[in-house]
Amino acid sequence: MEMNPIETFRFSMENDNKELVVIGKIQGKPEIPSLDDLKFKGIIALLNSIDKRNFTELDKDQLFVHYLKEIEETIGEMKKYDEFQCREDLT
């Protein structure tokens, strides 16, 4: 019988001033080393929890567009490299 224990991945994000912006954790049974499959599932779960209406009601549509663009750009960069987080800029 194959055991696939529940693993935990903790993450955080800081702004340019090194101030904590967000912190969280993802738990699940990974199939991929470094829990990368769980990270994708966590991203999808978070994206599915966002409602554009909340931005519109506060007249923050541009902020919604900004975040979507940032996500799209990040995904575009991820597609280019085998090791997105570890790659060195050789320019």
Protein backbone atom coordinates (compact mmCIF):
# COMPACT_ATOMS: atom_id res chain seq x y z
CA MET A 1 0.00 0.00 0.00
CA GLU A 2 1.33 3.42 -1.00
CA MET A 3 1.36 6.11 1.70
CA ASN A 4 0.87 9.69 0.66
CA PRO A 5 0.88 11.71 3.89
CA ILE A 6 -0.59 15.17 4.26
CA GLU A 7 2.11 17.80 3.80
CA THR A 8 2.10 21.51 4.63
CA PHE A 9 3.57 24.37 2.59
CA ARG A 10 3.81 27.78 4.24
CA PHE A 11 4.18 30.94 2.16
CA SER A 12 4.47 34.66 2.65
CA MET A 13 4.86 37.78 0.55
CA GLU A 14 6.57 41.02 1.44
CA ASN A 15 6.33 44.40 -0.25
CA ASP A 16 9.31 46.47 -1.44
CA ASN A 17 9.76 47.78 2.12
CA LYS A 18 10.12 44.21 3.47
CA GLU A 19 6.75 44.52 5.21
CA LEU A 20 4.63 41.37 5.41
CA VAL A 21 1.68 41.62 3.00
CA VAL A 22 0.22 38.13 3.19
CA ILE A 23 0.95 34.82 4.89
CA GLY A 24 -0.72 31.46 4.45
CA LYS A 25 -0.41 27.71 4.25
CA ILE A 26 -1.54 24.93 1.96
CA GLN A 27 -2.11 21.36 3.13
CA GLY A 28 -2.76 18.25 1.13
CA LYS A 29 -1.39 15.03 -0.29
CA PRO A 30 1.25 15.95 -2.89
CA GLU A 31 2.08 13.97 -6.00
CA ILE A 32 4.99 16.22 -7.08
CA PRO A 33 8.26 17.02 -5.25
CA SER A 34 8.43 20.43 -3.61
CA LEU A 35 4.62 20.25 -3.29
CA ASP A 36 4.27 22.11 -6.59
CA ASP A 37 0.96 20.39 -7.38
CA LEU A 38 -0.46 21.56 -4.05
CA LYS A 39 0.75 25.09 -4.76
CA PHE A 40 -1.17 25.08 -8.07
CA LYS A 41 -4.29 23.75 -6.32
CA GLY A 42 -3.95 26.48 -3.68
CA ILE A 43 -3.66 29.16 -6.35
CA ILE A 44 -6.73 27.82 -8.15
CA ALA A 45 -8.69 27.71 -4.90
CA LEU A 46 -7.76 31.31 -4.11
CA LEU A 47 -8.59 32.52 -7.62
CA ASN A 48 -11.99 30.83 -7.40
CA SER A 49 -12.69 32.76 -4.20
CA ILE A 50 -12.23 36.22 -5.79
CA ASP A 51 -15.26 38.22 -6.96
CA LYS A 52 -14.74 41.13 -9.35
CA ARG A 53 -17.90 42.68 -7.89
CA ASN A 54 -16.03 43.47 -4.65
CA PHE A 55 -13.60 45.63 -6.62
CA THR A 56 -16.34 47.25 -8.70
CA GLU A 57 -18.42 48.18 -5.65
CA LEU A 58 -15.44 50.10 -4.27
CA ASP A 59 -14.58 51.65 -7.66
CA LYS A 60 -11.31 49.65 -7.71
CA ASP A 61 -11.69 48.06 -11.16
CA GLN A 62 -8.17 49.16 -12.10
CA LEU A 63 -6.75 47.27 -9.12
CA PHE A 64 -8.56 44.13 -10.30
CA VAL A 65 -7.10 44.60 -13.80
CA HIS A 66 -3.64 45.22 -12.31
CA TYR A 67 -3.69 41.94 -10.39
CA LEU A 68 -4.96 39.98 -13.38
CA LYS A 69 -2.16 41.41 -15.52
CA GLU A 70 0.42 40.52 -12.87
CA ILE A 71 -0.91 36.93 -12.73
CA GLU A 72 -0.86 36.64 -16.53
CA GLU A 73 2.72 37.99 -16.73
CA THR A 74 3.88 35.61 -14.00
CA ILE A 75 2.32 32.62 -15.77
CA GLY A 76 3.97 33.72 -19.02
CA GLU A 77 7.37 33.79 -17.32
CA MET A 78 6.76 30.41 -15.66
CA LYS A 79 6.12 28.85 -19.07
CA LYS A 80 9.53 30.03 -20.32
CA TYR A 81 11.74 28.43 -17.68
CA ASP A 82 12.11 24.99 -16.11
CA GLU A 83 13.13 26.55 -12.79
CA PHE A 84 11.21 29.78 -12.51
CA GLN A 85 12.13 30.69 -8.93
CA CYS A 86 15.74 29.53 -9.18
CA ARG A 87 16.74 30.92 -12.54
CA GLU A 88 19.52 33.44 -12.75
CA ASP A 89 19.29 36.48 -15.01
CA LEU A 90 22.24 36.13 -17.36
CA THR A 91 21.79 39.46 -19.17
